[in-house]
């Protein structure tokens, strides 16, 4: 297996003047531009005393410069720690501290919400938006920054030497309270996923739009690292796209691959596909087989034209896809697949090509998957995996690492599934309490419950998902509920709790509705709420 950084190096040698990393309607960097900036950062790191294996955190909005700084750290041999910028500042600071990062790459606006006092290990802060040093603890850092310039870099001289088995990335899967879980992923794990994608998805220069969070391993691996190592030109939207922005960019860029999440496909389905399938003409011809098939084919072509007319494969992952949506995608002939994975799998565990994809499944395993069940084809059991793409442990969390593996060394996903005789994997549910939002974000109910617990009117709470919405069940403080007699007063009371708590939460984990319960929650012998009773 070839190191993925060597594959990236090949792109610099073979197509130095091709655009590599671009901001949609903004800056554009060729492969040689990227290599030159990487070399400047390497000089800065070395002069600043950064060593291989040191941790460098990056917390900023998606952009071409985010990608360049990631590659600079990655090719230097330091460990990159991507952090979602939509966490609250105290949570971001906690993850930076937990990771032992010595440098921070961030946006100026976010740095203004943090402070060097809350980050005692940080020796310098560099802007992601522009070439600017935002803060330093010493003259050494300032001098290193001022002496980093590189000119006339020859593509043939670019060479990246980083140990295959070293940790490349620490990606946090849990949120910002409790015991953070930093997934340690090696260069070898990422190389395995890149190689698989090149062999089974596409291998050659093309175009792609990056719309997913780069701080999440799904977007990082599938929309950035794999394409960048394959010679793609990548366009970064920079924010979660609205359907109109996405369609506009698709029309202009005409991507070959689309990597997305259910939320985006559901919006496209609601805005373009379903209205056509539900129209009066469509209903009128639905009973005429040949006419119906012709109509579906024509509609499928119109949708593909909305995507720019060149899309070969649409990969959907990060959360479950509604069967209603999937059946319509299948009906009109879109070349889609639904994949499955976790951060610990870098992130792929299963996927397929559109031609071989079984509707309702998550494809076939990219390596080994077993179902911990007496009858894996019919009785759901825990999905367990092993292979070279898997993580090597949780950073500073051996207890979580031990709990995540079976006695014989298989990774426990915490998900339930079955696998048919042809090897197609079907997800049947989740063992963990983790909620996956439609946009692919991990939402931990316990964190929301902790924020609810600080409200003066909340005695106890339980957070769950209903119909894709986050619902908080609240047992109020003693004596509160009897004084609420009118329905409008009850609604105002619940909305007050919701609004106050949402101010403390990231945008992706906002509570949709608060409901009061009139008796305490049932608990186990060890004091935890019996969650299954309230689903």
Protein backbone atom coordinates (compact mmCIF):
# COMPACT_ATOMS: atom_id res chain seq x y z
CA UNK A 1 0.00 0.00 0.00
CA UNK A 2 1.34 3.42 -0.97
CA UNK A 3 1.48 6.19 1.62
CA UNK A 4 -1.23 8.75 0.88
CA UNK A 5 1.25 11.61 1.25
CA UNK A 6 3.29 10.03 -1.54
CA UNK A 7 0.14 10.02 -3.65
CA UNK A 8 -0.34 13.70 -2.86
CA UNK A 9 3.33 14.28 -3.70
CA UNK A 10 2.72 12.60 -7.08
CA UNK A 11 0.00 15.15 -7.88
CA UNK A 12 2.46 18.01 -7.22
CA UNK A 13 5.01 16.38 -9.56
CA UNK A 14 2.54 15.54 -12.33
CA UNK A 15 0.15 18.51 -12.37
CA UNK A 16 1.83 21.44 -10.54
CA UNK A 17 -0.19 24.11 -12.37
CA UNK A 18 -3.63 22.50 -11.98
CA UNK A 19 -5.95 24.16 -9.45
CA UNK A 20 -6.02 21.97 -6.34
CA UNK A 21 -7.77 23.79 -3.49
CA UNK A 22 -10.26 26.56 -4.24
CA UNK A 23 -12.75 28.66 -2.33
CA UNK A 24 -15.99 28.83 -4.26
CA UNK A 25 -16.08 32.32 -5.79
CA UNK A 26 -12.80 33.06 -4.01
CA UNK A 27 -9.09 32.21 -3.85
CA UNK A 28 -7.60 29.37 -5.88
CA UNK A 29 -4.34 27.49 -5.24
CA UNK A 30 -2.57 25.19 -7.69
CA UNK A 31 -0.81 22.04 -6.50
CA UNK A 32 2.49 23.94 -6.68
CA UNK A 33 1.00 26.87 -4.72
CA UNK A 34 -0.07 24.41 -2.03
CA UNK A 35 3.38 22.80 -1.94
CA UNK A 36 5.04 26.22 -1.62
CA UNK A 37 2.84 27.26 1.30
CA UNK A 38 3.42 23.87 2.93
CA UNK A 39 7.17 24.42 2.70
CA UNK A 40 6.78 27.86 4.32
CA UNK A 41 4.87 26.35 7.22
CA UNK A 42 7.49 23.62 7.59
CA UNK A 43 10.15 26.30 7.98
CA UNK A 44 8.00 28.10 10.51
CA UNK A 45 7.37 24.91 12.53
CA UNK A 46 11.04 23.97 12.58
CA UNK A 47 12.26 27.43 13.60
CA UNK A 48 9.51 27.64 16.24
CA UNK A 49 10.75 24.42 17.84
CA UNK A 50 7.79 22.26 16.80
CA UNK A 51 8.77 18.59 16.62
CA UNK A 52 7.29 15.60 14.87
CA UNK A 53 4.57 14.17 17.08
CA UNK A 54 3.66 17.53 18.61
CA UNK A 55 -0.05 18.35 18.43
CA UNK A 56 -1.39 21.31 16.46
CA UNK A 57 -5.08 22.19 16.72
CA UNK A 58 -7.07 23.68 13.85
CA UNK A 59 -10.44 25.23 14.57
CA UNK A 60 -11.92 27.39 11.80
CA UNK A 61 -14.51 27.47 9.05
CA UNK A 62 -13.89 25.35 5.96
CA UNK A 63 -11.68 26.99 3.37
CA UNK A 64 -8.83 26.28 0.98
CA UNK A 65 -6.44 27.73 3.54
CA UNK A 66 -7.83 25.36 6.22
CA UNK A 67 -6.91 22.51 3.89
CA UNK A 68 -3.45 23.92 3.19
CA UNK A 69 -2.64 24.33 6.88
CA UNK A 70 -3.92 20.82 7.58
CA UNK A 71 -1.59 19.44 4.90
CA UNK A 72 1.31 21.50 6.25
CA UNK A 73 0.95 19.90 9.68
CA UNK A 74 0.25 16.47 8.19
CA UNK A 75 3.29 16.46 5.90
CA UNK A 76 5.56 17.81 8.66
CA UNK A 77 4.83 14.81 10.87
CA UNK A 78 3.10 16.71 13.65
CA UNK A 79 -0.34 15.50 14.76
CA UNK A 80 -3.27 17.58 13.56
CA UNK A 81 -6.28 18.04 15.86
CA UNK A 82 -9.34 19.27 13.90
CA UNK A 83 -12.03 20.86 16.11
CA UNK A 84 -15.48 21.96 14.99
CA UNK A 85 -15.70 25.77 15.14
CA UNK A 86 -19.40 25.76 16.09
CA UNK A 87 -18.70 24.56 19.61
CA UNK A 88 -18.85 27.20 22.30
CA UNK A 89 -15.51 28.77 23.24
CA UNK A 90 -15.12 26.96 26.61
CA UNK A 91 -15.66 23.62 24.90
CA UNK A 92 -13.13 24.43 22.19
CA UNK A 93 -10.59 25.43 24.84
CA UNK A 94 -11.18 22.17 26.70
CA UNK A 95 -10.44 20.07 23.61
CA UNK A 96 -7.33 22.10 22.80
CA UNK A 97 -6.07 21.54 26.35
CA UNK A 98 -7.00 17.84 26.38
CA UNK A 99 -5.13 17.27 23.11
CA UNK A 100 -1.94 18.93 24.48
CA UNK A 101 -1.77 21.10 21.37
CA UNK A 102 1.15 23.56 21.27
CA UNK A 103 -0.06 25.64 18.31
CA UNK A 104 -3.52 26.80 17.32
CA UNK A 105 -4.67 27.54 13.77
CA UNK A 106 -7.94 29.46 13.88
CA UNK A 107 -10.04 32.37 12.61
CA UNK A 108 -9.43 35.79 14.23
CA UNK A 109 -13.09 36.01 15.31
CA UNK A 110 -12.82 32.72 17.19
CA UNK A 111 -9.49 33.67 18.76
CA UNK A 112 -11.17 36.81 20.14
CA UNK A 113 -13.52 34.51 22.10
CA UNK A 114 -10.61 32.50 23.53
CA UNK A 115 -7.60 33.62 25.51
CA UNK A 116 -4.02 32.55 25.99
CA UNK A 117 -4.71 32.35 29.75
CA UNK A 118 -7.20 29.53 29.15
CA UNK A 119 -4.71 27.73 26.88
CA UNK A 120 -1.45 27.55 28.86
CA UNK A 121 0.18 25.01 26.52
CA UNK A 122 -0.33 27.08 23.35
CA UNK A 123 2.87 28.79 22.17
CA UNK A 124 1.44 30.55 19.13
CA UNK A 125 -1.78 31.24 17.25
CA UNK A 126 -1.90 31.52 13.45
CA UNK A 127 -4.79 32.85 11.38
CA UNK A 128 -6.46 30.49 8.93
CA UNK A 129 -8.05 33.35 6.99
CA UNK A 130 -4.79 35.05 6.03
CA UNK A 131 -1.05 34.83 6.47
CA UNK A 132 -0.95 36.36 9.92
CA UNK A 133 0.40 35.49 13.34
CA UNK A 134 -2.37 36.33 15.83
CA UNK A 135 -0.45 35.73 19.07
CA UNK A 136 2.85 34.34 20.30
CA UNK A 137 4.39 33.65 23.66
CA UNK A 138 7.96 34.48 22.62
CA UNK A 139 10.21 36.26 20.16
CA UNK A 140 11.26 32.83 18.84
CA UNK A 141 7.76 32.30 17.42
CA UNK A 142 7.69 35.80 15.92
CA UNK A 143 11.13 35.37 14.32
CA UNK A 144 10.17 31.94 12.99
CA UNK A 145 7.05 33.41 11.39
CA UNK A 146 8.92 36.32 9.79
CA UNK A 147 11.61 34.05 8.29
CA UNK A 148 9.38 31.44 6.67
CA UNK A 149 9.33 32.74 3.08
CA UNK A 150 10.03 30.31 0.23
CA UNK A 151 10.38 31.23 -3.46
CA UNK A 152 10.79 29.24 -6.68
CA UNK A 153 10.03 25.82 -5.24
CA UNK A 154 10.64 23.14 -7.89
CA UNK A 155 7.86 20.49 -8.05
CA UNK A 156 10.42 17.71 -8.55
CA UNK A 157 12.08 18.65 -5.25
CA UNK A 158 8.92 18.08 -3.18
CA UNK A 159 9.19 14.97 -1.00
CA UNK A 160 7.26 14.06 2.13
CA UNK A 161 8.68 11.44 4.49
CA UNK A 162 6.40 10.50 7.38
CA UNK A 163 6.29 7.14 9.14
CA UNK A 164 3.39 4.98 8.00
CA UNK A 165 2.51 3.86 11.52
CA UNK A 166 2.65 7.27 13.23
CA UNK A 167 -0.49 8.98 14.44
CA UNK A 168 -1.57 11.59 11.89
CA UNK A 169 -4.87 12.88 13.30
CA UNK A 170 -6.66 13.10 16.63
CA UNK A 171 -10.35 13.56 15.85
CA UNK A 172 -12.73 14.10 18.74
CA UNK A 173 -15.99 12.18 18.48
CA UNK A 174 -17.54 13.22 21.77
CA UNK A 175 -18.49 16.75 22.61
CA UNK A 176 -17.01 19.24 24.98
CA UNK A 177 -17.87 17.98 28.44
CA UNK A 178 -17.29 14.82 30.42
CA UNK A 179 -14.51 12.58 29.15
CA UNK A 180 -13.50 13.61 25.60
CA UNK A 181 -12.76 10.79 23.16
CA UNK A 182 -9.94 11.73 20.81
CA UNK A 183 -9.71 9.08 18.09
CA UNK A 184 -6.08 8.48 17.07
CA UNK A 185 -5.81 7.73 13.34
CA UNK A 186 -2.53 6.77 11.69
CA UNK A 187 -1.11 7.65 8.31
CA UNK A 188 -1.55 3.98 7.46
CA UNK A 189 -5.27 4.04 8.28
CA UNK A 190 -5.85 7.03 6.03
CA UNK A 191 -3.68 5.50 3.31
CA UNK A 192 -5.87 2.41 3.39
CA UNK A 193 -9.07 4.43 2.92
CA UNK A 194 -7.54 6.53 0.12
CA UNK A 195 -6.41 3.39 -1.69
CA UNK A 196 -9.82 1.78 -1.33
CA UNK A 197 -11.56 4.87 -2.72
CA UNK A 198 -9.16 5.06 -5.66
CA UNK A 199 -9.72 1.39 -6.50
CA UNK A 200 -13.50 1.29 -6.01
CA UNK A 201 -14.82 4.84 -6.54
CA UNK A 202 -12.58 6.79 -8.93
CA UNK A 203 -8.89 7.38 -9.55
CA UNK A 204 -7.97 10.37 -11.65
CA UNK A 205 -8.13 14.17 -11.88
CA UNK A 206 -11.69 15.48 -11.58
CA UNK A 207 -13.77 18.07 -9.70
CA UNK A 208 -15.62 17.87 -6.40
CA UNK A 209 -17.43 20.27 -4.08
CA UNK A 210 -16.59 20.13 -0.37
CA UNK A 211 -19.72 20.96 1.64
CA UNK A 212 -19.25 18.91 4.84
CA UNK A 213 -17.33 19.98 7.99
CA UNK A 214 -13.62 19.33 7.50
CA UNK A 215 -13.26 18.85 11.26
CA UNK A 216 -15.46 15.74 10.92
CA UNK A 217 -13.62 12.70 9.54
CA UNK A 218 -16.29 11.99 6.90
CA UNK A 219 -15.81 15.32 5.14
CA UNK A 220 -12.08 15.35 5.88
CA UNK A 221 -11.36 11.96 4.32
CA UNK A 222 -13.93 11.78 1.53
CA UNK A 223 -14.16 15.38 0.31
CA UNK A 224 -10.57 16.47 0.89
CA UNK A 225 -7.80 13.93 1.51
CA UNK A 226 -8.92 11.24 -0.96
CA UNK A 227 -9.64 13.74 -3.78
CA UNK A 228 -6.47 15.73 -3.08
CA UNK A 229 -4.37 12.56 -3.35
CA UNK A 230 -6.13 11.67 -6.61
CA UNK A 231 -5.60 14.91 -8.53
CA UNK A 232 -9.02 16.48 -8.05
CA UNK A 233 -9.76 20.18 -8.03
CA UNK A 234 -11.65 20.75 -4.77
CA UNK A 235 -14.05 23.67 -4.28
CA UNK A 236 -14.88 24.57 -0.68
CA UNK A 237 -18.30 26.13 -0.06
CA UNK A 238 -17.15 27.34 3.36
CA UNK A 239 -20.49 26.82 5.10
CA UNK A 240 -23.45 24.46 5.30
CA UNK A 241 -25.13 25.02 1.94
CA UNK A 242 -28.72 25.98 1.31
CA UNK A 243 -30.34 24.08 -1.56
CA UNK A 244 -30.13 27.18 -3.78
CA UNK A 245 -26.40 27.74 -3.06
CA UNK A 246 -25.65 24.05 -3.57
CA UNK A 247 -27.47 23.92 -6.90
CA UNK A 248 -25.82 27.14 -8.09
CA UNK A 249 -22.36 25.80 -7.26
CA UNK A 250 -23.18 22.44 -8.86
CA UNK A 251 -24.23 24.15 -12.09
CA UNK A 252 -21.00 26.14 -12.23
CA UNK A 253 -18.49 23.55 -11.03
CA UNK A 254 -20.15 20.42 -12.52
CA UNK A 255 -18.63 17.91 -10.07
CA UNK A 256 -17.93 14.28 -10.91
CA UNK A 257 -18.52 13.02 -7.38
CA UNK A 258 -20.98 14.20 -4.74
CA UNK A 259 -20.26 13.29 -1.11
CA UNK A 260 -23.16 14.32 1.09
CA UNK A 261 -25.37 13.63 4.09
CA UNK A 262 -29.08 12.74 4.32
CA UNK A 263 -30.10 16.25 5.35
CA UNK A 264 -28.97 17.71 2.03
CA UNK A 265 -30.51 14.93 -0.04
CA UNK A 266 -33.75 15.30 1.92
CA UNK A 267 -33.84 19.02 1.08
CA UNK A 268 -33.24 18.30 -2.59
CA UNK A 269 -35.92 15.62 -2.44
CA UNK A 270 -38.41 17.99 -0.79
CA UNK A 271 -37.69 20.90 -3.16
CA UNK A 272 -37.30 19.18 -6.52
CA UNK A 273 -37.99 15.45 -6.60
CA UNK A 274 -41.10 14.96 -4.48
CA UNK A 275 -43.10 17.84 -6.01
CA UNK A 276 -42.67 16.28 -9.46
CA UNK A 277 -43.56 12.76 -8.27
CA UNK A 278 -46.61 14.12 -6.45
CA UNK A 279 -47.85 16.28 -9.31
CA UNK A 280 -51.16 15.59 -11.02
CA UNK A 281 -49.53 14.42 -14.31
CA UNK A 282 -47.25 12.03 -12.44
CA UNK A 283 -50.17 10.53 -10.57
CA UNK A 284 -52.17 10.22 -13.79
CA UNK A 285 -49.48 8.16 -15.53
CA UNK A 286 -48.45 6.14 -12.46
CA UNK A 287 -50.65 3.22 -13.58
CA UNK A 288 -49.23 3.09 -17.12
CA UNK A 289 -45.99 1.05 -16.88
CA UNK A 290 -44.03 2.21 -19.95
CA UNK A 291 -45.13 5.82 -19.72
CA UNK A 292 -44.37 5.86 -15.99
CA UNK A 293 -40.84 4.50 -16.51
CA UNK A 294 -40.18 7.06 -19.24
CA UNK A 295 -41.38 9.86 -16.93
CA UNK A 296 -39.14 8.64 -14.09
CA UNK A 297 -36.16 8.49 -16.45
CA UNK A 298 -36.82 12.02 -17.68
CA UNK A 299 -37.17 13.30 -14.12
CA UNK A 300 -33.93 11.56 -13.13
CA UNK A 301 -32.10 13.31 -15.97
CA UNK A 302 -33.50 16.69 -14.86
CA UNK A 303 -32.24 16.10 -11.32
CA UNK A 304 -28.82 15.06 -12.64
CA UNK A 305 -28.77 18.27 -14.71
CA UNK A 306 -29.38 20.17 -11.47
CA UNK A 307 -26.19 18.53 -10.17
CA UNK A 308 -24.29 19.85 -13.19
CA UNK A 309 -24.87 16.93 -15.55
CA UNK A 310 -21.55 15.14 -14.88
CA UNK A 311 -22.11 13.35 -11.56
CA UNK A 312 -21.03 9.72 -11.70
CA UNK A 313 -21.70 8.73 -8.07
CA UNK A 314 -23.61 10.25 -5.15
CA UNK A 315 -22.31 8.93 -1.82
CA UNK A 316 -24.61 9.48 1.16
CA UNK A 317 -23.39 8.86 4.70
CA UNK A 318 -23.06 10.23 8.21
CA UNK A 319 -26.61 9.39 9.32
CA UNK A 320 -29.52 7.13 8.34
CA UNK A 321 -31.32 8.01 5.10
CA UNK A 322 -35.11 8.01 5.11
CA UNK A 323 -36.46 5.05 3.15
CA UNK A 324 -39.09 7.35 1.62
CA UNK A 325 -36.32 9.50 0.16
CA UNK A 326 -34.19 6.55 -0.89
CA UNK A 327 -37.04 4.81 -2.69
CA UNK A 328 -37.65 7.95 -4.77
CA UNK A 329 -33.93 8.25 -5.59
CA UNK A 330 -34.03 4.65 -6.76
CA UNK A 331 -37.25 5.21 -8.69
CA UNK A 332 -35.81 8.01 -10.85
CA UNK A 333 -32.49 6.22 -11.36
CA UNK A 334 -30.00 8.42 -9.50
CA UNK A 335 -26.51 6.80 -9.18
CA UNK A 336 -26.51 6.88 -5.37
CA UNK A 337 -25.05 4.69 -2.66
CA UNK A 338 -25.43 4.82 1.12
CA UNK A 339 -22.25 4.12 3.07
CA UNK A 340 -21.58 3.37 6.73
CA UNK A 341 -18.73 4.17 9.04
CA UNK A 342 -17.45 5.87 12.15
CA UNK A 343 -14.58 8.15 13.03
CA UNK A 344 -12.78 5.08 14.38
CA UNK A 345 -12.89 3.58 10.86
CA UNK A 346 -11.32 6.64 9.20
CA UNK A 347 -14.37 6.67 8.45
CA UNK A 348 -15.36 3.89 6.03
CA UNK A 349 -16.61 0.50 7.19
CA UNK A 350 -18.90 -0.34 4.26
CA UNK A 351 -19.88 1.05 0.86
CA UNK A 352 -20.70 -0.13 -2.69
CA UNK A 353 -20.84 1.11 -6.27
CA UNK A 354 -24.22 2.31 -7.56
CA UNK A 355 -24.54 -0.74 -9.84
CA UNK A 356 -23.95 -3.21 -7.02
CA UNK A 357 -25.80 -1.32 -4.29
CA UNK A 358 -28.70 -3.09 -2.54
CA UNK A 359 -31.45 -0.57 -1.66
CA UNK A 360 -31.89 -0.15 2.08
CA UNK A 361 -28.38 -1.37 2.81
CA UNK A 362 -25.12 0.40 3.63
CA UNK A 363 -23.13 -1.45 1.02
CA UNK A 364 -20.57 -4.18 1.62
CA UNK A 365 -17.66 -4.20 4.11
CA UNK A 366 -14.42 -2.65 2.91
CA UNK A 367 -12.60 -5.06 5.23
CA UNK A 368 -13.88 -7.46 7.88
CA UNK A 369 -17.27 -7.02 9.55
CA UNK A 370 -19.06 -9.52 11.73
CA UNK A 371 -22.48 -9.43 13.33
CA UNK A 372 -22.48 -10.52 16.97
CA UNK A 373 -25.66 -12.57 16.65
CA UNK A 374 -26.80 -16.18 16.69
CA UNK A 375 -28.26 -15.61 13.21
CA UNK A 376 -26.45 -12.69 11.50
CA UNK A 377 -28.76 -12.75 8.47
CA UNK A 378 -32.00 -12.44 10.45
CA UNK A 379 -31.34 -11.48 14.07
CA UNK A 380 -29.73 -8.04 14.60
CA UNK A 381 -26.51 -8.03 16.55
CA UNK A 382 -23.71 -5.58 17.24
CA UNK A 383 -21.70 -4.66 14.15
CA UNK A 384 -18.03 -5.35 14.85
CA UNK A 385 -15.10 -4.61 12.57
CA UNK A 386 -11.38 -5.01 12.11
CA UNK A 387 -8.95 -3.90 9.44
CA UNK A 388 -6.01 -1.58 8.63
CA UNK A 389 -8.33 1.45 8.48
CA UNK A 390 -9.18 1.33 12.19
CA UNK A 391 -7.92 3.67 14.88
CA UNK A 392 -5.16 2.80 17.33
CA UNK A 393 -6.87 4.07 20.48
CA UNK A 394 -8.47 7.03 22.21
CA UNK A 395 -6.03 9.74 23.28
CA UNK A 396 -5.39 9.59 27.05
CA UNK A 397 -8.46 7.37 27.50
CA UNK A 398 -7.43 3.70 27.86
CA UNK A 399 -10.69 2.83 29.62
CA UNK A 400 -12.74 3.89 26.59
CA UNK A 401 -10.28 2.08 24.32
CA UNK A 402 -10.68 -1.17 26.23
CA UNK A 403 -14.47 -0.86 26.25
CA UNK A 404 -14.50 -0.31 22.47
CA UNK A 405 -12.93 -3.70 21.70
CA UNK A 406 -13.91 -7.32 22.21
CA UNK A 407 -11.63 -9.78 23.96
CA UNK A 408 -10.47 -11.08 20.56
CA UNK A 409 -9.67 -7.62 19.20
CA UNK A 410 -12.70 -6.58 17.14
CA UNK A 411 -13.89 -2.97 17.27
CA UNK A 412 -17.37 -2.63 18.76
CA UNK A 413 -19.35 -0.07 16.80
CA UNK A 414 -22.30 0.10 19.19
CA UNK A 415 -24.66 -0.28 16.21
CA UNK A 416 -27.05 -3.12 15.50
CA UNK A 417 -27.30 -4.71 12.08
CA UNK A 418 -27.72 -7.78 9.92
CA UNK A 419 -25.81 -8.96 6.86
CA UNK A 420 -27.36 -10.90 4.00
CA UNK A 421 -25.77 -13.85 2.21
CA UNK A 422 -24.28 -11.51 -0.42
CA UNK A 423 -22.51 -9.44 2.22
CA UNK A 424 -24.80 -6.40 2.18
CA UNK A 425 -24.93 -4.66 5.56
CA UNK A 426 -28.26 -3.41 6.90
CA UNK A 427 -28.36 -1.12 9.96
CA UNK A 428 -31.16 -1.92 12.39
CA UNK A 429 -30.56 0.52 15.23
CA UNK A 430 -28.11 1.92 17.76
CA UNK A 431 -26.97 0.46 21.02
CA UNK A 432 -25.57 3.71 22.32
CA UNK A 433 -27.63 6.71 23.28
CA UNK A 434 -25.81 8.76 20.66
CA UNK A 435 -28.08 10.79 18.38
CA UNK A 436 -26.93 11.38 14.81
CA UNK A 437 -28.39 14.52 13.32
CA UNK A 438 -29.51 14.55 9.69
CA UNK A 439 -26.43 16.63 8.87
CA UNK A 440 -24.13 13.96 10.30
CA UNK A 441 -23.23 15.63 13.58
CA UNK A 442 -22.81 13.54 16.72
CA UNK A 443 -25.21 14.67 19.43
CA UNK A 444 -24.77 13.38 22.97
CA UNK A 445 -27.96 13.53 25.08
CA UNK A 446 -25.98 13.59 28.33
CA UNK A 447 -24.37 16.90 27.36
CA UNK A 448 -27.71 18.54 26.70
CA UNK A 449 -29.02 17.11 29.97
CA UNK A 450 -26.09 18.67 31.80
CA UNK A 451 -27.00 22.08 30.42
CA UNK A 452 -30.67 21.52 31.32
CA UNK A 453 -29.67 20.66 34.87
CA UNK A 454 -28.43 24.20 35.51
CA UNK A 455 -31.87 25.67 34.85
CA UNK A 456 -33.48 26.68 38.16
CA UNK A 457 -36.81 25.05 37.27
CA UNK A 458 -35.39 21.66 36.18
CA UNK A 459 -35.07 18.82 38.67
CA UNK A 460 -34.22 16.09 36.16
CA UNK A 461 -34.24 15.62 32.39
CA UNK A 462 -33.96 13.11 29.57
CA UNK A 463 -33.10 13.98 25.97
CA UNK A 464 -34.12 11.83 23.03
CA UNK A 465 -34.87 11.99 19.32
CA UNK A 466 -38.34 11.90 17.79
CA UNK A 467 -38.89 12.25 14.09
CA UNK A 468 -35.47 13.76 13.60
CA UNK A 469 -36.04 16.38 16.32
CA UNK A 470 -34.38 16.69 19.74
CA UNK A 471 -36.97 16.46 22.48
CA UNK A 472 -36.23 17.15 26.15
CA UNK A 473 -38.39 15.46 28.78
CA UNK A 474 -38.22 17.54 31.96
CA UNK A 475 -39.24 16.68 35.51
CA UNK A 476 -39.65 20.16 37.07
CA UNK A 477 -38.63 21.32 40.51
CA UNK A 478 -41.02 20.42 43.28
CA UNK A 479 -44.09 22.64 43.48
CA UNK A 480 -43.72 24.22 40.02
CA UNK A 481 -46.17 22.22 37.89
CA UNK A 482 -49.28 22.57 40.13
CA UNK A 483 -49.23 26.35 39.67
CA UNK A 484 -49.37 26.04 35.86
CA UNK A 485 -53.07 25.85 35.05
CA UNK A 486 -53.53 27.32 31.57
CA UNK A 487 -52.18 25.67 28.43
CA UNK A 488 -50.59 28.90 27.24
CA UNK A 489 -48.75 29.21 30.56
CA UNK A 490 -47.51 25.62 30.23
CA UNK A 491 -46.28 26.30 26.70
CA UNK A 492 -44.52 29.49 27.83
CA UNK A 493 -42.88 27.64 30.73
CA UNK A 494 -41.54 24.89 28.46
CA UNK A 495 -40.39 27.36 25.83
CA UNK A 496 -38.55 29.34 28.48
CA UNK A 497 -36.55 26.28 29.51
CA UNK A 498 -35.86 25.42 25.89
CA UNK A 499 -34.69 28.91 24.89
CA UNK A 500 -32.48 29.36 27.96
CA UNK A 501 -30.80 25.99 27.38
CA UNK A 502 -30.34 26.47 23.64
CA UNK A 503 -28.23 29.55 24.37
CA UNK A 504 -25.72 27.19 25.97
CA UNK A 505 -25.69 24.65 23.12
CA UNK A 506 -24.07 24.49 19.66
CA UNK A 507 -26.42 25.09 16.74
CA UNK A 508 -26.51 21.44 15.68
CA UNK A 509 -27.78 20.19 19.08
CA UNK A 510 -30.58 22.67 19.71
CA UNK A 511 -33.67 21.41 21.55
CA UNK A 512 -36.81 21.46 19.41
CA UNK A 513 -39.37 20.96 22.18
CA UNK A 514 -39.52 20.59 25.98
CA UNK A 515 -42.20 18.32 27.47
CA UNK A 516 -42.96 18.04 31.18
CA UNK A 517 -43.30 14.70 32.96
CA UNK A 518 -45.19 14.48 36.25
CA UNK A 519 -43.30 11.59 37.91
CA UNK A 520 -39.56 11.01 38.39
CA UNK A 521 -37.75 8.97 35.74
CA UNK A 522 -37.24 5.26 36.37
CA UNK A 523 -33.63 4.38 37.10
CA UNK A 524 -31.40 1.32 37.20
CA UNK A 525 -29.73 0.04 40.34
CA UNK A 526 -26.65 2.11 39.56
CA UNK A 527 -28.73 5.29 39.21
CA UNK A 528 -28.92 5.79 35.44
CA UNK A 529 -32.24 6.53 33.74
CA UNK A 530 -33.79 3.61 31.86
CA UNK A 531 -33.71 5.40 28.52
CA UNK A 532 -35.42 2.65 26.58
CA UNK A 533 -38.65 3.23 28.51
CA UNK A 534 -39.02 6.74 27.08
CA UNK A 535 -38.22 6.26 23.38
